[in-house]
Amino acid sequence: FVSSPSKKKHTTYILHVDMDCFFASVALLSRPDLPSTTPVAICHGSGSSGSNAELSTCNYAARSLGVRKGMWLATARRLCPGLV
């Protein structure tokens, strides 16, 4: 006995989620005093001035001003003085 291949149609869905921006948006939740259009960056690193900190992510407001993940915080602050 040989069975025939299934004739069921399968639908494929692709979901793209920008988790980088999600983390920056979550950071804004703890600052309800800031509007959602505030440029925000999340960074990690060392140094009291933050000059040695590298950006892990940033929101779209910061990206529109040239800020990118992987950038040094000092460079990001020069591009976007209002960066939070």
N, C-alpha and C. Protein backbone atom coordinates (compact mmCIF):
# COMPACT_ATOMS: atom_id res chain seq x y z
N PHE A 1 0.85 -1.17 0.00
CA PHE A 1 0.00 0.00 0.00
C PHE A 1 0.89 1.24 0.00
N VAL A 2 0.71 2.11 -0.95
CA VAL A 2 1.47 3.36 -1.06
C VAL A 2 0.50 4.51 -0.90
N SER A 3 0.81 5.38 0.02
CA SER A 3 -0.08 6.53 0.21
C SER A 3 0.35 7.68 -0.69
N SER A 4 -0.60 8.45 -1.09
CA SER A 4 -0.29 9.61 -1.94
C SER A 4 0.13 10.78 -1.06
N PRO A 5 0.95 11.69 -1.58
CA PRO A 5 1.38 12.86 -0.79
C PRO A 5 0.17 13.70 -0.37
N SER A 6 0.32 14.31 0.74
CA SER A 6 -0.75 15.16 1.26
C SER A 6 -0.99 16.33 0.31
N LYS A 7 -2.24 16.64 0.12
CA LYS A 7 -2.57 17.75 -0.77
C LYS A 7 -2.98 18.99 0.03
N LYS A 8 -2.64 19.00 1.30
CA LYS A 8 -2.94 20.16 2.13
C LYS A 8 -2.04 21.32 1.73
N LYS A 9 -2.62 22.50 1.68
CA LYS A 9 -1.82 23.69 1.39
C LYS A 9 -1.33 24.28 2.70
N HIS A 10 -0.08 24.63 2.71
CA HIS A 10 0.52 25.24 3.90
C HIS A 10 0.78 26.71 3.61
N THR A 11 0.43 27.53 4.55
CA THR A 11 0.70 28.95 4.43
C THR A 11 1.90 29.29 5.29
N THR A 12 2.83 30.02 4.72
CA THR A 12 4.02 30.44 5.44
C THR A 12 3.88 31.91 5.81
N TYR A 13 4.14 32.21 7.06
CA TYR A 13 4.12 33.58 7.53
C TYR A 13 5.52 33.96 7.98
N ILE A 14 5.92 35.17 7.67
CA ILE A 14 7.20 35.69 8.12
C ILE A 14 6.91 36.90 8.98
N LEU A 15 7.46 36.91 10.18
CA LEU A 15 7.25 38.01 11.11
C LEU A 15 8.60 38.64 11.41
N HIS A 16 8.71 39.92 11.16
CA HIS A 16 9.95 40.64 11.47
C HIS A 16 9.67 41.56 12.65
N VAL A 17 10.40 41.38 13.73
CA VAL A 17 10.22 42.19 14.93
C VAL A 17 11.54 42.90 15.21
N ASP A 18 11.49 44.21 15.32
CA ASP A 18 12.69 44.99 15.61
C ASP A 18 12.88 45.00 17.12
N MET A 19 13.57 43.99 17.63
CA MET A 19 13.77 43.88 19.08
C MET A 19 14.70 44.97 19.60
N ASP A 20 15.60 45.48 18.76
CA ASP A 20 16.48 46.56 19.20
C ASP A 20 15.65 47.76 19.63
N CYS A 21 14.75 48.18 18.77
CA CYS A 21 13.92 49.33 19.11
C CYS A 21 12.99 49.01 20.28
N PHE A 22 12.59 47.76 20.39
CA PHE A 22 11.74 47.34 21.50
C PHE A 22 12.43 47.62 22.84
N PHE A 23 13.70 47.26 22.97
CA PHE A 23 14.42 47.47 24.22
C PHE A 23 14.56 48.96 24.55
N ALA A 24 14.77 49.78 23.54
CA ALA A 24 14.84 51.23 23.77
C ALA A 24 13.47 51.76 24.20
N SER A 25 12.40 51.23 23.62
CA SER A 25 11.06 51.66 24.00
C SER A 25 10.73 51.25 25.43
N VAL A 26 11.17 50.07 25.83
CA VAL A 26 10.95 49.62 27.21
C VAL A 26 11.68 50.54 28.18
N ALA A 27 12.86 51.00 27.80
CA ALA A 27 13.61 51.93 28.67
C ALA A 27 12.83 53.23 28.87
N LEU A 28 12.08 53.64 27.88
CA LEU A 28 11.28 54.86 28.01
C LEU A 28 10.10 54.69 28.96
N LEU A 29 9.67 53.46 29.19
CA LEU A 29 8.54 53.24 30.10
C LEU A 29 8.82 53.74 31.51
N SER A 30 10.07 53.68 31.91
CA SER A 30 10.42 54.14 33.26
C SER A 30 10.60 55.66 33.32
N ARG A 31 10.44 56.32 32.19
CA ARG A 31 10.57 57.78 32.12
C ARG A 31 9.33 58.39 31.46
N PRO A 32 8.18 58.35 32.14
CA PRO A 32 6.96 58.88 31.52
C PRO A 32 7.02 60.39 31.27
N ASP A 33 8.01 61.06 31.87
CA ASP A 33 8.17 62.50 31.65
C ASP A 33 8.75 62.82 30.28
N LEU A 34 9.33 61.82 29.61
CA LEU A 34 9.93 62.03 28.30
C LEU A 34 8.95 61.66 27.19
N PRO A 35 8.83 62.49 26.16
CA PRO A 35 7.95 62.12 25.05
C PRO A 35 8.52 60.95 24.26
N SER A 36 7.68 60.26 23.54
CA SER A 36 8.12 59.09 22.79
C SER A 36 9.07 59.45 21.65
N THR A 37 9.16 60.72 21.32
CA THR A 37 10.05 61.18 20.25
C THR A 37 11.46 61.48 20.76
N THR A 38 11.72 61.23 22.04
CA THR A 38 13.03 61.47 22.62
C THR A 38 14.03 60.45 22.10
N PRO A 39 15.21 60.89 21.61
CA PRO A 39 16.23 59.95 21.18
C PRO A 39 16.79 59.18 22.38
N VAL A 40 16.73 57.86 22.32
CA VAL A 40 17.16 57.00 23.43
C VAL A 40 18.17 55.99 22.93
N ALA A 41 19.21 55.76 23.74
CA ALA A 41 20.20 54.73 23.43
C ALA A 41 20.44 53.88 24.67
N ILE A 42 20.68 52.60 24.46
CA ILE A 42 21.04 51.68 25.53
C ILE A 42 22.50 51.32 25.28
N CYS A 43 23.33 51.45 26.33
CA CYS A 43 24.74 51.17 26.12
C CYS A 43 25.31 50.35 27.26
N HIS A 44 26.51 49.84 27.02
CA HIS A 44 27.25 49.09 28.03
C HIS A 44 28.71 49.48 27.88
N GLY A 45 29.41 49.46 28.97
CA GLY A 45 30.82 49.81 28.91
C GLY A 45 31.31 50.31 30.24
N SER A 46 32.44 51.00 30.19
CA SER A 46 33.03 51.50 31.43
C SER A 46 33.44 52.95 31.25
N GLY A 47 33.81 53.55 32.33
CA GLY A 47 34.23 54.94 32.30
C GLY A 47 33.17 55.82 32.94
N SER A 48 33.58 56.70 33.83
CA SER A 48 32.61 57.53 34.53
C SER A 48 31.91 58.51 33.60
N SER A 49 32.58 58.93 32.53
CA SER A 49 31.96 59.86 31.59
C SER A 49 31.15 59.14 30.52
N GLY A 50 31.29 57.83 30.45
CA GLY A 50 30.56 57.06 29.45
C GLY A 50 31.23 57.07 28.09
N SER A 51 32.42 57.67 28.01
CA SER A 51 33.08 57.76 26.71
C SER A 51 33.52 56.40 26.17
N ASN A 52 33.71 55.43 27.07
CA ASN A 52 34.11 54.09 26.64
C ASN A 52 32.93 53.15 26.49
N ALA A 53 31.73 53.68 26.55
CA ALA A 53 30.53 52.85 26.45
C ALA A 53 30.16 52.66 24.98
N GLU A 54 29.75 51.44 24.64
CA GLU A 54 29.32 51.12 23.28
C GLU A 54 27.80 50.95 23.27
N LEU A 55 27.16 51.50 22.25
CA LEU A 55 25.71 51.40 22.16
C LEU A 55 25.27 50.00 21.77
N SER A 56 24.35 49.46 22.56
CA SER A 56 23.75 48.16 22.25
C SER A 56 22.60 48.34 21.28
N THR A 57 21.85 49.42 21.46
CA THR A 57 20.70 49.70 20.61
C THR A 57 20.28 51.15 20.78
N CYS A 58 19.39 51.59 19.91
CA CYS A 58 18.81 52.93 20.02
C CYS A 58 17.44 52.91 19.34
N ASN A 59 16.64 53.92 19.63
CA ASN A 59 15.31 53.96 19.03
C ASN A 59 15.36 54.69 17.69
N TYR A 60 14.21 54.75 17.02
CA TYR A 60 14.14 55.35 15.69
C TYR A 60 14.43 56.84 15.72
N ALA A 61 14.06 57.53 16.80
CA ALA A 61 14.35 58.97 16.91
C ALA A 61 15.86 59.20 16.89
N ALA A 62 16.61 58.36 17.58
CA ALA A 62 18.07 58.48 17.59
C ALA A 62 18.65 58.07 16.24
N ARG A 63 18.09 57.03 15.64
CA ARG A 63 18.59 56.56 14.34
C ARG A 63 18.43 57.63 13.27
N SER A 64 17.35 58.39 13.35
CA SER A 64 17.12 59.44 12.35
C SER A 64 18.17 60.54 12.43
N LEU A 65 18.88 60.61 13.54
CA LEU A 65 19.94 61.61 13.72
C LEU A 65 21.33 61.03 13.50
N GLY A 66 21.40 59.80 13.01
CA GLY A 66 22.67 59.19 12.67
C GLY A 66 23.26 58.26 13.72
N VAL A 67 22.57 58.09 14.83
CA VAL A 67 23.05 57.21 15.90
C VAL A 67 22.79 55.76 15.49
N ARG A 68 23.76 54.88 15.72
CA ARG A 68 23.64 53.47 15.36
C ARG A 68 24.19 52.58 16.47
N LYS A 69 23.67 51.36 16.57
CA LYS A 69 24.21 50.42 17.54
C LYS A 69 25.65 50.08 17.16
N GLY A 70 26.46 49.80 18.17
CA GLY A 70 27.88 49.53 17.94
C GLY A 70 28.73 50.78 17.96
N MET A 71 28.10 51.93 17.99
CA MET A 71 28.79 53.22 18.01
C MET A 71 29.22 53.55 19.44
N TRP A 72 30.32 54.26 19.57
CA TRP A 72 30.74 54.72 20.90
C TRP A 72 29.78 55.81 21.37
N LEU A 73 29.50 55.83 22.66
CA LEU A 73 28.57 56.79 23.23
C LEU A 73 29.04 58.22 22.99
N ALA A 74 30.33 58.48 23.10
CA ALA A 74 30.85 59.83 22.87
C ALA A 74 30.52 60.31 21.45
N THR A 75 30.65 59.43 20.47
CA THR A 75 30.32 59.77 19.08
C THR A 75 28.82 60.02 18.94
N ALA A 76 28.02 59.17 19.56
CA ALA A 76 26.56 59.32 19.50
C ALA A 76 26.12 60.64 20.13
N ARG A 77 26.76 61.04 21.20
CA ARG A 77 26.40 62.31 21.86
C ARG A 77 26.79 63.51 21.01
N ARG A 78 27.86 63.38 20.23
CA ARG A 78 28.22 64.47 19.31
C ARG A 78 27.17 64.61 18.21
N LEU A 79 26.69 63.48 17.72
CA LEU A 79 25.66 63.50 16.67
C LEU A 79 24.31 63.96 17.21
N CYS A 80 24.04 63.60 18.45
CA CYS A 80 22.71 63.83 19.05
C CYS A 80 22.90 64.29 20.50
N PRO A 81 23.11 65.60 20.72
CA PRO A 81 23.35 66.10 22.07
C PRO A 81 22.21 65.82 23.05
N GLY A 82 21.00 65.64 22.59
CA GLY A 82 19.86 65.38 23.46
C GLY A 82 19.63 63.90 23.75
N LEU A 83 20.60 63.06 23.42
CA LEU A 83 20.46 61.62 23.60
C LEU A 83 20.30 61.26 25.07
N VAL A 84 19.32 60.42 25.35
CA VAL A 84 19.07 59.95 26.73
C VAL A 84 19.52 58.51 26.82
